[in-house]
C-alpha atoms as a PDB file:
ATOM      1  CA  MET A   1     100.895 117.519 104.882  1.00  0.00           C
ATOM      2  CA  VAL A   2     103.071 114.657 103.613  1.00  0.00           C
ATOM      3  CA  ILE A   3     106.796 115.134 104.313  1.00  0.00           C
ATOM      4  CA  ARG A   4     109.389 113.404 102.132  1.00  0.00           C
ATOM      5  CA  PHE A   5     113.007 112.730 103.064  1.00  0.00           C
ATOM      6  CA  GLY A   6     115.364 110.250 101.438  1.00  0.00           C
ATOM      7  CA  ASP A   7     113.297 107.254 100.338  1.00  0.00           C
ATOM      8  CA  PHE A   8     110.696 107.930 103.035  1.00  0.00           C
ATOM      9  CA  ARG A   9     107.303 109.608 103.207  1.00  0.00           C
ATOM     10  CA  LEU A  10     105.981 110.731 106.601  1.00  0.00           C
ATOM     11  CA  ASP A  11     102.261 111.422 106.965  1.00  0.00           C
ATOM     12  CA  PRO A  12     101.731 112.807 110.513  1.00  0.00           C
ATOM     13  CA  GLN A  13      97.936 112.972 110.196  1.00  0.00           C
ATOM     14  CA  ARG A  14      97.578 109.362 109.108  1.00  0.00           C
ATOM     15  CA  ARG A  15     100.442 108.337 111.424  1.00  0.00           C
ATOM     16  CA  GLN A  16     102.207 106.512 108.609  1.00  0.00           C
ATOM     17  CA  LEU A  17     105.831 106.195 107.537  1.00  0.00           C
ATOM     18  CA  LEU A  18     106.455 104.627 104.138  1.00  0.00           C
ATOM     19  CA  ARG A  19     109.614 103.663 102.302  1.00  0.00           C
ATOM     20  CA  GLY A  20     108.594 103.686  98.673  1.00  0.00           C
ATOM     21  CA  GLU A  21     105.253 101.865  98.767  1.00  0.00           C
ATOM     22  CA  GLU A  22     106.171  99.725 101.804  1.00  0.00           C
ATOM     23  CA  MET A  23     104.866 100.588 105.257  1.00  0.00           C
ATOM     24  CA  VAL A  24     107.588 101.038 107.891  1.00  0.00           C
ATOM     25  CA  HIS A  25     106.422  99.826 111.293  1.00  0.00           C
ATOM     26  CA  LEU A  26     107.071 102.113 114.267  1.00  0.00           C
ATOM     27  CA  THR A  27     105.709 101.869 117.780  1.00  0.00           C
ATOM     28  CA  PRO A  28     103.410 104.810 118.654  1.00  0.00           C
ATOM     29  CA  LYS A  29     106.045 106.506 120.837  1.00  0.00           C
ATOM     30  CA  ALA A  30     108.776 106.107 118.199  1.00  0.00           C
ATOM     31  CA  PHE A  31     106.407 107.694 115.681  1.00  0.00           C
ATOM     32  CA  GLU A  32     105.794 110.592 118.100  1.00  0.00           C
ATOM     33  CA  LEU A  33     109.548 111.059 118.424  1.00  0.00           C
ATOM     34  CA  LEU A  34     110.047 111.187 114.653  1.00  0.00           C
ATOM     35  CA  ALA A  35     107.136 113.596 114.195  1.00  0.00           C
ATOM     36  CA  ALA A  36     108.471 115.873 116.960  1.00  0.00           C
ATOM     37  CA  LEU A  37     111.992 115.983 115.518  1.00  0.00           C
ATOM     38  CA  VAL A  38     110.751 116.605 111.969  1.00  0.00           C
ATOM     39  CA  ALA A  39     108.388 119.365 113.150  1.00  0.00           C
ATOM     40  CA  SER A  40     111.239 121.119 115.006  1.00  0.00           C
ATOM     41  CA  ARG A  41     113.856 120.747 112.257  1.00  0.00           C
ATOM     42  CA  PRO A  42     116.588 121.915 111.938  1.00  0.00           C
ATOM     43  CA  GLU A  43     116.721 122.939 115.603  1.00  0.00           C
ATOM     44  CA  ALA A  44     117.859 120.411 118.189  1.00  0.00           C
ATOM     45  CA  VAL A  45     115.223 119.445 120.761  1.00  0.00           C
ATOM     46  CA  PRO A  46     116.241 118.992 124.422  1.00  0.00           C
ATOM     47  CA  LYS A  47     115.817 115.521 125.898  1.00  0.00           C
ATOM     48  CA  GLY A  48     113.469 116.820 128.572  1.00  0.00           C
ATOM     49  CA  GLU A  49     111.187 118.439 126.009  1.00  0.00           C
ATOM     50  CA  LEU A  50     111.042 115.241 123.947  1.00  0.00           C
ATOM     51  CA  GLU A  51     110.233 113.183 127.041  1.00  0.00           C
ATOM     52  CA  GLY A  52     107.457 115.641 127.923  1.00  0.00           C
ATOM     53  CA  ARG A  53     105.919 115.405 124.451  1.00  0.00           C
ATOM     54  CA  ILE A  54     106.040 111.607 124.373  1.00  0.00           C
ATOM     55  CA  TRP A  55     105.334 110.582 127.983  1.00  0.00           C
ATOM     56  CA  GLY A  56     103.664 113.690 129.400  1.00  0.00           C
ATOM     57  CA  ARG A  57     104.328 114.233 133.098  1.00  0.00           C
ATOM     58  CA  THR A  58     105.228 110.596 133.709  1.00  0.00           C
ATOM     59  CA  HIS A  59     108.805 110.194 134.931  1.00  0.00           C
ATOM     60  CA  VAL A  60     110.874 108.036 132.602  1.00  0.00           C
ATOM     61  CA  ALA A  61     114.467 106.842 132.648  1.00  0.00           C
ATOM     62  CA  GLU A  62     116.897 108.451 130.215  1.00  0.00           C
ATOM     63  CA  THR A  63     117.413 105.034 128.639  1.00  0.00           C
ATOM     64  CA  SER A  64     113.753 105.025 127.530  1.00  0.00           C
ATOM     65  CA  LEU A  65     114.324 107.925 125.121  1.00  0.00           C
ATOM     66  CA  ALA A  66     117.613 106.391 123.964  1.00  0.00           C
ATOM     67  CA  GLY A  67     115.740 103.174 123.228  1.00  0.00           C
ATOM     68  CA  LEU A  68     113.223 105.042 121.060  1.00  0.00           C
ATOM     69  CA  VAL A  69     116.059 106.729 119.179  1.00  0.00           C
ATOM     70  CA  ALA A  70     117.655 103.322 118.552  1.00  0.00           C
ATOM     71  CA  GLU A  71     114.326 101.947 117.283  1.00  0.00           C
ATOM     72  CA  LEU A  72     113.870 104.945 115.006  1.00  0.00           C
ATOM     73  CA  ARG A  73     117.386 104.682 113.601  1.00  0.00           C
ATOM     74  CA  ALA A  74     116.921 100.969 112.922  1.00  0.00           C
ATOM     75  CA  ALA A  75     113.688 101.694 111.038  1.00  0.00           C
ATOM     76  CA  LEU A  76     115.434 104.400 108.988  1.00  0.00           C
ATOM     77  CA  GLY A  77     118.418 102.153 108.281  1.00  0.00           C
ATOM     78  CA  GLU A  78     121.082 104.247 109.960  1.00  0.00           C
ATOM     79  CA  SER A  79     123.477 104.036 112.900  1.00  0.00           C
ATOM     80  CA  PRO A  80     124.699 106.673 115.400  1.00  0.00           C
ATOM     81  CA  ARG A  81     128.011 106.896 113.517  1.00  0.00           C
ATOM     82  CA  GLU A  82     126.308 107.285 110.131  1.00  0.00           C
ATOM     83  CA  SER A  83     123.404 109.594 110.890  1.00  0.00           C
ATOM     84  CA  GLN A  84     121.605 110.638 107.747  1.00  0.00           C
ATOM     85  CA  PHE A  85     118.426 111.727 109.520  1.00  0.00           C
ATOM     86  CA  ILE A  86     118.773 111.686 113.337  1.00  0.00           C
ATOM     87  CA  ARG A  87     121.628 113.684 114.853  1.00  0.00           C
ATOM     88  CA  THR A  88     122.696 113.283 118.487  1.00  0.00           C
ATOM     89  CA  VAL A  89     123.528 116.564 120.214  1.00  0.00           C
ATOM     90  CA  HIS A  90     125.638 115.270 123.089  1.00  0.00           C
ATOM     91  CA  GLY A  91     124.598 116.524 126.502  1.00  0.00           C
ATOM     92  CA  PHE A  92     121.505 118.205 125.048  1.00  0.00           C
ATOM     93  CA  GLY A  93     119.148 116.169 122.862  1.00  0.00           C
ATOM     94  CA  TYR A  94     118.476 115.219 119.256  1.00  0.00           C
ATOM     95  CA  ALA A  95     117.782 116.895 115.912  1.00  0.00           C
ATOM     96  CA  PHE A  96     116.433 115.889 112.525  1.00  0.00           C
ATOM     97  CA  CYS A  97     119.168 116.560 109.954  1.00  0.00           C
ATOM     98  CA  GLY A  98     117.703 115.121 106.742  1.00  0.00           C
ATOM     99  CA  THR A  99     116.736 117.119 103.662  1.00  0.00           C
ATOM    100  CA  VAL A 100     112.951 117.514 103.624  1.00  0.00           C
ATOM    101  CA  LEU A 101     110.443 118.105 100.834  1.00  0.00           C
ATOM    102  CA  GLU A 102     106.905 118.988 101.848  1.00  0.00           C
ATOM    103  CA  GLY A 103     103.719 118.312  99.937  1.00  0.00           C
ATOM    104  CA  PRO A 104     102.568 115.564  97.582  1.00  0.00           C
ATOM    105  CA  PRO A 105     104.570 114.350  94.590  1.00  0.00           C
ATOM    106  CA  ALA A 106     103.740 116.029  91.292  1.00  0.00           C
ATOM    107  CA  GLY A 107     100.355 114.927  89.982  1.00  0.00           C
ATOM    108  CA  ASP A 108      99.021 113.882  93.413  1.00  0.00           C
ATOM    109  CA  LEU A 109      96.509 116.714  93.633  1.00  0.00           C
ATOM    110  CA  PHE A 110      92.744 116.929  93.808  1.00  0.00           C
ATOM    111  CA  ARG A 111      90.988 118.389  90.816  1.00  0.00           C
ATOM    112  CA  VAL A 112      88.670 121.364  91.290  1.00  0.00           C
ATOM    113  CA  GLY A 113      85.254 120.064  92.329  1.00  0.00           C
ATOM    114  CA  ASP A 114      86.465 116.802  93.888  1.00  0.00           C
ATOM    115  CA  LEU A 115      85.205 116.040  97.378  1.00  0.00           C
ATOM    116  CA  VAL A 116      87.500 115.918 100.377  1.00  0.00           C
ATOM    117  CA  TYR A 117      86.606 113.509 103.184  1.00  0.00           C
ATOM    118  CA  ARG A 118      87.933 114.137 106.687  1.00  0.00           C
ATOM    119  CA  ILE A 119      87.175 112.796 110.149  1.00  0.00           C
ATOM    120  CA  ALA A 120      87.683 114.856 113.283  1.00  0.00           C
ATOM    121  CA  TRP A 121      87.877 114.000 116.980  1.00  0.00           C
ATOM    122  CA  ALA A 122      89.536 115.352 120.129  1.00  0.00           C
ATOM    123  CA  ARG A 123      91.208 118.314 118.369  1.00  0.00           C
ATOM    124  CA  ARG A 124      92.541 116.036 115.634  1.00  0.00           C
ATOM    125  CA  GLU A 125      91.565 115.830 111.981  1.00  0.00           C
ATOM    126  CA  VAL A 126      92.607 113.241 109.412  1.00  0.00           C
ATOM    127  CA  SER A 127      92.089 113.278 105.667  1.00  0.00           C
ATOM    128  CA  LEU A 128      90.702 110.102 104.112  1.00  0.00           C
ATOM    129  CA  ARG A 129      92.118 108.766 100.865  1.00  0.00           C
ATOM    130  CA  VAL A 130      90.438 106.960  98.021  1.00  0.00           C
ATOM    131  CA  GLY A 131      90.130 103.294  98.974  1.00  0.00           C
ATOM    132  CA  GLU A 132      90.283 101.726 102.436  1.00  0.00           C
ATOM    133  CA  ASN A 133      90.775 103.836 105.568  1.00  0.00           C
ATOM    134  CA  VAL A 134      91.000 101.696 108.719  1.00  0.00           C
ATOM    135  CA  LEU A 135      90.007 103.205 112.074  1.00  0.00           C
ATOM    136  CA  GLY A 136      91.355 101.634 115.259  1.00  0.00           C
ATOM    137  CA  ARG A 137      94.279 101.139 117.654  1.00  0.00           C
ATOM    138  CA  ASP A 138      96.559  99.595 115.035  1.00  0.00           C
ATOM    139  CA  PRO A 139      99.557 101.945 114.607  1.00  0.00           C
ATOM    140  CA  ASP A 140      99.145 101.563 110.845  1.00  0.00           C
ATOM    141  CA  ALA A 141      95.480 102.655 110.884  1.00  0.00           C
ATOM    142  CA  ALA A 142      94.478 105.718 108.878  1.00  0.00           C
ATOM    143  CA  ALA A 143      93.031 107.124 112.102  1.00  0.00           C
ATOM    144  CA  TRP A 144      94.773 105.895 115.263  1.00  0.00           C
ATOM    145  CA  LEU A 145      92.239 105.949 118.134  1.00  0.00           C
ATOM    146  CA  ASP A 146      94.030 105.377 121.434  1.00  0.00           C
ATOM    147  CA  SER A 147      91.235 103.985 123.610  1.00  0.00           C
ATOM    148  CA  PRO A 148      90.850 100.554 125.259  1.00  0.00           C
ATOM    149  CA  THR A 149      87.251 100.507 124.019  1.00  0.00           C
ATOM    150  CA  VAL A 150      88.468 100.551 120.397  1.00  0.00           C
ATOM    151  CA  SER A 151      89.650  97.381 118.627  1.00  0.00           C
ATOM    152  CA  ARG A 152      92.963  97.326 116.742  1.00  0.00           C
ATOM    153  CA  ARG A 153      91.099  97.195 113.415  1.00  0.00           C
ATOM    154  CA  HIS A 154      87.727  98.465 114.548  1.00  0.00           C
ATOM    155  CA  ALA A 155      86.063  99.732 111.378  1.00  0.00           C
ATOM    156  CA  ARG A 156      86.881 101.094 107.963  1.00  0.00           C
ATOM    157  CA  ILE A 157      85.642 103.819 105.649  1.00  0.00           C
ATOM    158  CA  LEU A 158      85.762 103.053 101.929  1.00  0.00           C
ATOM    159  CA  VAL A 159      86.070 106.204  99.818  1.00  0.00           C
ATOM    160  CA  SER A 160      85.336 106.249  96.095  1.00  0.00           C
ATOM    161  CA  THR A 161      83.952 108.602  93.486  1.00  0.00           C
ATOM    162  CA  GLU A 162      80.514 107.322  94.533  1.00  0.00           C
ATOM    163  CA  GLY A 163      80.903 108.455  98.150  1.00  0.00           C
ATOM    164  CA  ALA A 164      81.974 106.957 101.469  1.00  0.00           C
ATOM    165  CA  LEU A 165      80.855 103.667 103.022  1.00  0.00           C
ATOM    166  CA  LEU A 166      81.319 102.649 106.671  1.00  0.00           C
ATOM    167  CA  GLU A 167      81.899  99.020 107.638  1.00  0.00           C
ATOM    168  CA  ASP A 168      82.511  97.411 111.042  1.00  0.00           C
ATOM    169  CA  LEU A 169      85.433  94.966 111.129  1.00  0.00           C
ATOM    170  CA  GLY A 170      84.120  92.618 113.821  1.00  0.00           C
ATOM    171  CA  SER A 171      84.920  95.002 116.677  1.00  0.00           C
ATOM    172  CA  HIS A 172      84.228  94.033 120.292  1.00  0.00           C
ATOM    173  CA  ASN A 173      82.259  97.156 121.218  1.00  0.00           C
ATOM    174  CA  GLY A 174      80.584  97.863 117.903  1.00  0.00           C
ATOM    175  CA  THR A 175      80.421 100.753 115.444  1.00  0.00           C
ATOM    176  CA  TYR A 176      77.432 103.112 115.434  1.00  0.00           C
ATOM    177  CA  VAL A 177      76.262 105.846 113.085  1.00  0.00           C
ATOM    178  CA  ARG A 178      73.111 107.934 113.440  1.00  0.00           C
ATOM    179  CA  GLY A 179      72.339 105.955 116.598  1.00  0.00           C
ATOM    180  CA  GLU A 180      72.241 102.582 114.847  1.00  0.00           C
ATOM    181  CA  ARG A 181      74.771  99.777 115.143  1.00  0.00           C
ATOM    182  CA  VAL A 182      76.530  99.092 111.849  1.00  0.00           C
ATOM    183  CA  LYS A 183      75.837  95.542 110.646  1.00  0.00           C
ATOM    184  CA  ASP A 184      76.332  95.987 106.913  1.00  0.00           C
ATOM    185  CA  ARG A 185      78.008  98.714 104.886  1.00  0.00           C
ATOM    186  CA  VAL A 186      76.387 102.082 105.526  1.00  0.00           C
ATOM    187  CA  ALA A 187      76.581 105.131 103.252  1.00  0.00           C
ATOM    188  CA  LEU A 188      77.925 108.165 105.113  1.00  0.00           C
ATOM    189  CA  ARG A 189      76.820 111.788 104.904  1.00  0.00           C
ATOM    190  CA  ASP A 190      78.508 115.062 105.788  1.00  0.00           C
ATOM    191  CA  GLY A 191      78.254 115.680 109.523  1.00  0.00           C
ATOM    192  CA  ASP A 192      77.665 112.046 110.494  1.00  0.00           C
ATOM    193  CA  GLU A 193      78.892 111.149 113.970  1.00  0.00           C
ATOM    194  CA  ILE A 194      80.484 107.719 114.113  1.00  0.00           C
ATOM    195  CA  ARG A 195      80.924 106.019 117.489  1.00  0.00           C
ATOM    196  CA  LEU A 196      83.619 103.384 117.854  1.00  0.00           C
ATOM    197  CA  GLY A 197      83.501 102.007 121.375  1.00  0.00           C
ATOM    198  CA  SER A 198      83.499 105.191 123.473  1.00  0.00           C
ATOM    199  CA  VAL A 199      85.229 107.342 120.826  1.00  0.00           C
ATOM    200  CA  VAL A 200      83.097 109.595 118.600  1.00  0.00           C
ATOM    201  CA  VAL A 201      84.456 110.946 115.313  1.00  0.00           C
ATOM    202  CA  THR A 202      82.685 113.293 112.918  1.00  0.00           C
ATOM    203  CA  LEU A 203      82.809 113.034 109.133  1.00  0.00           C
ATOM    204  CA  HIS A 204      83.261 116.255 107.186  1.00  0.00           C
ATOM    205  CA  VAL A 205      82.801 116.372 103.422  1.00  0.00           C
ATOM    206  CA  GLY A 206      83.748 119.425 101.370  1.00  0.00           C
ATOM    207  CA  GLN A 207      84.934 120.641  98.007  1.00  0.00           C
ATOM    208  CA  ALA A 208      88.659 120.564  97.380  1.00  0.00           C
ATOM    209  CA  GLY A 209      90.439 123.749  96.425  1.00  0.00           C
ATOM    210  CA  GLU A 210      92.268 123.989  93.133  1.00  0.00           C
ATOM    211  CA  THR A 211      95.609 122.992  94.701  1.00  0.00           C
ATOM    212  CA  GLN A 212      94.510 121.202  97.841  1.00  0.00           C
ATOM    213  CA  SER A 213      96.411 117.949  98.340  1.00  0.00           C
ATOM    214  CA  ARG A 214      95.311 114.590  99.679  1.00  0.00           C
ATOM    215  CA  ASP A 215      97.339 114.824 102.855  1.00  0.00           C
END
């Protein structure tokens, strides 16, 4: 689901933050922080809980979280004294305080009978949009695959009214579908397993509901 606040659009599934039509760059951990605060809004989230979500069981200095907050505020164009979106709860943690609208803008809906393309892996699922969908370790990729065997821009899936095409983008470890290495563009089918390095994703194709959005 796309979440809108101020001039921004947050797409947690595609791991994208946009201001208007311009992509806002965030490091992966800063993106995780924003997603965690937005998901918990309007409640404040303790520092320890945020550190656990972002770093797991790894011990981190308190300044590490503060550094992510500073990065996030810079990307959102605010300061601690003028907090439009990120509120500091002194001695406790942080909260998202912006006004949020969920869902796509008016008119950004699938029509009945349109096909929905999604890829799934490791308990995650991402919707693919019409046009280019890059798969890789680039934070701006449509599907962010955090594995050293995956290139930053490993492959892409091109979605159109004619179907979906898979193309390798010169990756180091190759892209495979139906057991064959992808050398040219390959047409994809529902249920295809795509291997990128050591990561396997599965393509699912289905009919959109009357009001299902392209999130």
